[in-house]
């Protein structure tokens, strides 16, 4: 990258809150194809504009990476909604040795200031937010990934009711591979295409699932061409939040992609929160859709193409 001109952009800051130069490089674990901030060389950026994530460990980790990537004296502009970490930004940046000016605009806190000369205070936050082996799950994961340090109860319920699968399949929104780990223990499975929009999850899944029958892809399931067609089965625990707000269309898009990718007679196994209205969508797109179980605030469906 051109160190004289390159500015980093992280997290798609609102356009009205920050001016981003044309030569900016996008860093985002949730934007397939964007660069990885973790691998950005120290002192390689002339500036950074970032929308900080809401999770404390993830936010401190990402801000520390951004500061490390800045050239000496280069400026960081970091913002967050007041109720999603913005009120804590000033304290966190001060702990990194930063001297920042702070403003408030449209329910955001915005802090601007130069990279500190001493980068040693960043190491702890970078280590704390990096990928690790989680003892409770036995899986590699990273703060910021969905259900990063625990088993999601919806996925756990799905595994209780999942039959022996066979043939070619997919795990849509695979996360770090909790469902895939169980699927790959089924000897009749020939292929499992694992797809997730979170780069960190895909990289963790590659460490967790080493079976050659499994493939991992960093992609947005909603876009065509992300998974094979003519599949025998699909398993999924689809997301229903986008940017912190509930978006029921996300899960519905996953259901559509599954219907398009399964062969006739192929089966979809879906877990969803009880309040999410997937029944009509499933019945429209599939020849048959059955409620298999309902417990602990979740529903399990089997749908046949």
Protein backbone atom coordinates (compact mmCIF):
# COMPACT_ATOMS: atom_id res chain seq x y z
CA UNK A 1 0.00 0.00 0.00
CA UNK A 2 1.11 3.58 -0.64
CA UNK A 3 2.02 4.87 2.79
CA UNK A 4 1.84 8.48 1.60
CA UNK A 5 -1.81 8.30 0.59
CA UNK A 6 -3.54 5.26 2.01
CA UNK A 7 -6.21 5.73 4.67
CA UNK A 8 -7.92 2.82 6.36
CA UNK A 9 -11.69 2.58 6.75
CA UNK A 10 -13.23 0.15 9.22
CA UNK A 11 -16.85 -0.72 9.81
CA UNK A 12 -18.54 1.57 7.25
CA UNK A 13 -18.76 4.80 9.26
CA UNK A 14 -21.84 6.87 8.36
CA UNK A 15 -20.98 9.19 5.47
CA UNK A 16 -22.27 12.26 7.28
CA UNK A 17 -19.96 11.62 10.22
CA UNK A 18 -16.62 11.30 8.44
CA UNK A 19 -15.02 12.20 5.12
CA UNK A 20 -13.24 9.21 3.60
CA UNK A 21 -10.69 9.74 0.79
CA UNK A 22 -11.01 7.85 -2.47
CA UNK A 23 -7.74 6.01 -1.90
CA UNK A 24 -9.06 4.43 1.30
CA UNK A 25 -8.65 0.71 1.92
CA UNK A 26 -11.62 -1.05 3.49
CA UNK A 27 -10.97 -3.25 6.52
CA UNK A 28 -13.97 -5.24 7.71
CA UNK A 29 -14.45 -8.85 8.83
CA UNK A 30 -18.06 -8.59 7.64
CA UNK A 31 -17.36 -7.39 4.10
CA UNK A 32 -16.18 -10.28 1.89
CA UNK A 33 -13.09 -9.28 -0.05
CA UNK A 34 -11.99 -6.49 2.27
CA UNK A 35 -8.51 -6.45 3.78
CA UNK A 36 -7.71 -7.91 7.19
CA UNK A 37 -6.75 -5.30 9.76
CA UNK A 38 -4.93 -7.99 11.75
CA UNK A 39 -2.48 -8.39 8.87
CA UNK A 40 -2.00 -4.70 8.21
CA UNK A 41 1.68 -3.81 8.72
CA UNK A 42 2.67 -1.58 11.61
CA UNK A 43 3.02 2.04 10.51
CA UNK A 44 1.52 1.41 7.08
CA UNK A 45 -1.48 3.78 7.09
CA UNK A 46 -1.62 7.56 6.75
CA UNK A 47 -4.93 7.67 8.61
CA UNK A 48 -7.83 5.59 9.87
CA UNK A 49 -11.56 6.24 10.08
CA UNK A 50 -13.51 3.58 11.93
CA UNK A 51 -16.90 2.76 13.33
CA UNK A 52 -15.99 0.85 16.48
CA UNK A 53 -17.86 -2.42 17.18
CA UNK A 54 -20.12 -2.63 20.23
CA UNK A 55 -18.46 -5.53 22.07
CA UNK A 56 -15.86 -4.35 24.59
CA UNK A 57 -13.18 -6.96 23.87
CA UNK A 58 -13.68 -6.72 20.10
CA UNK A 59 -13.73 -2.91 20.18
CA UNK A 60 -10.51 -2.55 22.17
CA UNK A 61 -8.83 -5.17 19.95
CA UNK A 62 -9.82 -3.43 16.72
CA UNK A 63 -8.91 0.06 17.93
CA UNK A 64 -5.53 -1.24 19.08
CA UNK A 65 -4.92 -2.81 15.67
CA UNK A 66 -5.87 0.45 13.98
CA UNK A 67 -3.50 2.45 16.15
CA UNK A 68 -0.67 -0.01 15.50
CA UNK A 69 -1.24 0.27 11.74
CA UNK A 70 -0.95 4.07 11.73
CA UNK A 71 2.22 5.92 10.79
CA UNK A 72 3.82 7.96 13.60
CA UNK A 73 1.71 11.06 14.10
CA UNK A 74 -1.07 9.81 11.81
CA UNK A 75 -4.64 10.55 12.88
CA UNK A 76 -7.32 8.17 14.07
CA UNK A 77 -10.99 9.08 13.80
CA UNK A 78 -13.11 6.61 15.75
CA UNK A 79 -16.82 6.74 16.46
CA UNK A 80 -19.56 4.66 18.05
CA UNK A 81 -23.20 5.17 19.06
CA UNK A 82 -23.37 6.38 22.64
CA UNK A 83 -25.32 3.30 23.73
CA UNK A 84 -23.01 0.86 21.89
CA UNK A 85 -19.63 1.69 23.32
CA UNK A 86 -19.42 5.36 22.41
CA UNK A 87 -19.65 6.51 26.01
CA UNK A 88 -16.57 4.40 26.84
CA UNK A 89 -14.38 5.36 23.89
CA UNK A 90 -12.58 8.23 25.61
CA UNK A 91 -11.57 6.10 28.59
CA UNK A 92 -10.44 3.23 26.39
CA UNK A 93 -8.34 5.44 24.14
CA UNK A 94 -6.77 7.18 27.11
CA UNK A 95 -5.70 3.75 28.39
CA UNK A 96 -3.84 3.30 25.08
CA UNK A 97 -1.97 6.56 25.66
CA UNK A 98 -4.01 8.58 23.17
CA UNK A 99 -4.76 12.29 23.51
CA UNK A 100 -8.05 12.75 21.68
CA UNK A 101 -10.59 15.48 21.11
CA UNK A 102 -14.21 14.39 21.54
CA UNK A 103 -17.44 15.58 19.96
CA UNK A 104 -21.03 14.35 19.94
CA UNK A 105 -23.11 14.16 16.78
CA UNK A 106 -26.32 12.30 15.96
CA UNK A 107 -26.17 10.05 19.01
CA UNK A 108 -22.53 9.16 18.30
CA UNK A 109 -19.33 9.94 20.17
CA UNK A 110 -16.53 10.89 17.78
CA UNK A 111 -12.91 11.02 18.89
CA UNK A 112 -10.04 12.34 16.81
CA UNK A 113 -6.34 12.35 17.60
CA UNK A 114 -2.87 11.14 16.65
CA UNK A 115 -1.39 7.72 17.19
CA UNK A 116 0.52 7.54 20.49
CA UNK A 117 4.30 7.28 20.29
CA UNK A 118 4.42 4.30 22.66
CA UNK A 119 2.61 1.28 21.19
CA UNK A 120 3.38 -1.09 24.07
CA UNK A 121 0.02 -0.39 25.71
CA UNK A 122 -1.77 -1.97 22.74
CA UNK A 123 -0.41 -5.49 23.16
CA UNK A 124 -2.80 -6.67 25.88
CA UNK A 125 -5.92 -5.61 23.99
CA UNK A 126 -4.66 -7.19 20.76
CA UNK A 127 -3.94 -10.47 22.51
CA UNK A 128 -7.24 -10.50 24.40
CA UNK A 129 -9.27 -10.04 21.22
CA UNK A 130 -7.34 -12.47 19.03
CA UNK A 131 -8.39 -15.96 17.98
CA UNK A 132 -8.16 -18.56 20.73
CA UNK A 133 -9.16 -22.11 21.59
CA UNK A 134 -12.27 -21.88 23.79
CA UNK A 135 -12.15 -24.55 26.47
CA UNK A 136 -15.94 -24.64 26.97
CA UNK A 137 -16.65 -25.56 23.34
CA UNK A 138 -13.38 -27.13 22.24
CA UNK A 139 -13.44 -24.85 19.20
CA UNK A 140 -11.22 -22.05 17.96
CA UNK A 141 -13.07 -18.73 18.00
CA UNK A 142 -12.61 -14.98 18.41
CA UNK A 143 -14.45 -12.20 20.24
CA UNK A 144 -16.90 -10.56 17.85
CA UNK A 145 -17.94 -13.80 16.18
CA UNK A 146 -21.53 -14.87 16.85
CA UNK A 147 -21.74 -16.82 20.13
CA UNK A 148 -17.96 -16.82 20.15
CA UNK A 149 -17.34 -18.42 23.57
CA UNK A 150 -20.45 -20.54 24.12
CA UNK A 151 -22.71 -22.98 22.32
CA UNK A 152 -25.76 -21.21 20.93
CA UNK A 153 -28.83 -22.99 22.40
CA UNK A 154 -30.62 -22.96 19.05
CA UNK A 155 -27.77 -24.87 17.41
CA UNK A 156 -27.59 -27.25 20.37
CA UNK A 157 -31.32 -28.01 20.01
CA UNK A 158 -30.91 -28.61 16.28
CA UNK A 159 -28.17 -31.17 16.91
CA UNK A 160 -30.47 -33.08 19.28
CA UNK A 161 -32.94 -33.62 16.44
CA UNK A 162 -30.62 -33.84 13.45
CA UNK A 163 -30.78 -37.29 11.77
CA UNK A 164 -27.93 -39.04 10.02
CA UNK A 165 -27.31 -37.03 6.85
CA UNK A 166 -25.84 -38.26 3.59
CA UNK A 167 -24.61 -36.95 0.27
CA UNK A 168 -23.64 -33.38 -0.56
CA UNK A 169 -24.67 -30.60 1.77
CA UNK A 170 -24.04 -27.11 3.09
CA UNK A 171 -23.94 -25.23 6.38
CA UNK A 172 -25.16 -21.69 5.74
CA UNK A 173 -23.91 -19.17 8.27
CA UNK A 174 -21.56 -21.84 9.57
CA UNK A 175 -19.89 -19.72 12.26
CA UNK A 176 -16.86 -21.44 13.76
CA UNK A 177 -18.17 -24.88 12.80
CA UNK A 178 -20.25 -26.12 15.74
CA UNK A 179 -22.90 -27.75 13.52
CA UNK A 180 -20.34 -28.77 10.92
CA UNK A 181 -18.29 -30.66 13.49
CA UNK A 182 -21.26 -32.96 14.15
CA UNK A 183 -22.17 -33.28 10.47
CA UNK A 184 -18.64 -34.32 9.55
CA UNK A 185 -18.89 -37.21 12.01
CA UNK A 186 -21.59 -38.73 9.76
CA UNK A 187 -19.82 -41.20 7.45
CA UNK A 188 -22.30 -40.92 4.56
CA UNK A 189 -21.68 -37.19 4.11
CA UNK A 190 -19.70 -36.67 0.90
CA UNK A 191 -19.25 -32.88 0.95
CA UNK A 192 -20.10 -29.98 3.23
CA UNK A 193 -19.88 -26.44 1.85
CA UNK A 194 -19.48 -24.07 4.81
CA UNK A 195 -20.26 -20.40 4.21
CA UNK A 196 -20.21 -17.38 6.53
CA UNK A 197 -20.05 -13.62 6.08
CA UNK A 198 -17.66 -13.21 9.02
CA UNK A 199 -14.04 -13.71 7.93
CA UNK A 200 -12.99 -14.46 11.50
CA UNK A 201 -15.54 -17.25 11.76
CA UNK A 202 -14.37 -18.78 8.48
CA UNK A 203 -10.74 -18.69 9.59
CA UNK A 204 -11.65 -20.30 12.90
CA UNK A 205 -13.78 -22.92 11.14
CA UNK A 206 -10.80 -23.84 8.97
CA UNK A 207 -8.88 -24.65 12.17
CA UNK A 208 -11.80 -26.53 13.70
CA UNK A 209 -12.87 -28.59 10.68
CA UNK A 210 -9.91 -30.20 8.92
CA UNK A 211 -11.87 -32.99 7.22
CA UNK A 212 -11.11 -32.79 3.44
CA UNK A 213 -14.81 -33.25 2.68
CA UNK A 214 -15.47 -29.73 4.07
CA UNK A 215 -14.86 -26.44 2.26
CA UNK A 216 -14.99 -22.96 3.80
CA UNK A 217 -16.01 -19.82 1.93
CA UNK A 218 -16.07 -16.21 3.12
CA UNK A 219 -19.16 -14.90 1.38
CA UNK A 220 -22.61 -13.39 1.78
CA UNK A 221 -25.09 -16.26 1.50
CA UNK A 222 -27.66 -13.87 0.04
CA UNK A 223 -25.60 -13.49 -3.13
CA UNK A 224 -25.98 -16.03 -5.93
CA UNK A 225 -23.19 -18.47 -6.59
CA UNK A 226 -21.96 -18.74 -3.01
CA UNK A 227 -22.81 -22.45 -2.60
CA UNK A 228 -23.19 -25.45 -4.94
CA UNK A 229 -26.52 -26.44 -6.43
CA UNK A 230 -28.29 -29.79 -6.41
CA UNK A 231 -27.49 -30.41 -2.75
CA UNK A 232 -28.95 -33.26 -0.72
CA UNK A 233 -29.18 -31.37 2.56
CA UNK A 234 -28.61 -27.99 4.19
CA UNK A 235 -28.31 -27.16 7.89
CA UNK A 236 -28.45 -23.65 9.24
CA UNK A 237 -28.99 -21.35 12.17
CA UNK A 238 -29.61 -18.15 10.20
CA UNK A 239 -28.93 -14.67 11.59
CA UNK A 240 -31.72 -12.21 12.24
CA UNK A 241 -29.78 -9.09 13.22
CA UNK A 242 -28.09 -6.59 10.93
CA UNK A 243 -26.04 -3.85 12.57
CA UNK A 244 -27.64 -4.62 15.91
CA UNK A 245 -31.24 -4.25 14.68
CA UNK A 246 -33.57 -7.19 14.10
CA UNK A 247 -34.00 -7.91 10.39
CA UNK A 248 -36.29 -10.86 9.67
CA UNK A 249 -35.53 -10.67 5.96
CA UNK A 250 -32.06 -12.09 6.66
CA UNK A 251 -33.39 -15.49 7.69
CA UNK A 252 -35.91 -15.43 4.87
CA UNK A 253 -33.08 -14.82 2.40
CA UNK A 254 -31.25 -17.84 3.83
CA UNK A 255 -34.38 -19.95 3.33
CA UNK A 256 -34.65 -18.80 -0.29
CA UNK A 257 -31.01 -19.64 -0.95
CA UNK A 258 -31.55 -23.08 0.53
CA UNK A 259 -34.59 -23.69 -1.67
CA UNK A 260 -32.61 -22.66 -4.74
CA UNK A 261 -29.65 -24.88 -3.87
CA UNK A 262 -31.34 -28.13 -2.87
CA UNK A 263 -32.24 -30.84 -5.36
CA UNK A 264 -35.81 -32.08 -5.55
CA UNK A 265 -36.33 -34.15 -2.43
CA UNK A 266 -33.42 -32.47 -0.67
CA UNK A 267 -33.90 -31.47 2.96
CA UNK A 268 -33.38 -28.29 4.93
CA UNK A 269 -32.85 -28.45 8.69
CA UNK A 270 -33.39 -25.05 10.27
CA UNK A 271 -33.27 -23.71 13.82
CA UNK A 272 -34.84 -20.35 14.60
CA UNK A 273 -35.98 -18.25 17.52
CA UNK A 274 -39.59 -19.02 18.38
CA UNK A 275 -40.87 -15.53 17.53
CA UNK A 276 -39.51 -15.51 13.97
CA UNK A 277 -42.23 -16.14 11.34
CA UNK A 278 -40.61 -18.62 8.94
CA UNK A 279 -43.56 -21.02 8.55
CA UNK A 280 -45.27 -19.30 5.61
CA UNK A 281 -41.95 -18.73 3.85
CA UNK A 282 -41.01 -22.39 4.18
CA UNK A 283 -44.39 -23.62 2.99
CA UNK A 284 -44.21 -21.34 -0.06
CA UNK A 285 -40.75 -22.47 -1.16
CA UNK A 286 -40.81 -26.14 -0.17
CA UNK A 287 -43.11 -29.06 -0.95
CA UNK A 288 -43.36 -29.84 2.74
CA UNK A 289 -42.30 -28.11 5.95
CA UNK A 290 -42.69 -29.69 9.39
CA UNK A 291 -42.15 -28.31 12.87
CA UNK A 292 -39.95 -30.99 14.46
CA UNK A 293 -39.40 -29.50 17.89
CA UNK A 294 -40.09 -26.41 19.97
CA UNK A 295 -38.20 -25.81 23.21
CA UNK A 296 -36.08 -23.29 25.08
CA UNK A 297 -37.35 -20.43 22.93
CA UNK A 298 -36.41 -22.09 19.63
CA UNK A 299 -38.11 -24.02 16.84
CA UNK A 300 -36.65 -26.77 14.64
CA UNK A 301 -37.98 -27.27 11.11
CA UNK A 302 -37.43 -29.90 8.49
CA UNK A 303 -38.38 -28.79 4.97
CA UNK A 304 -38.32 -30.98 1.85
CA UNK A 305 -37.83 -29.50 -1.61
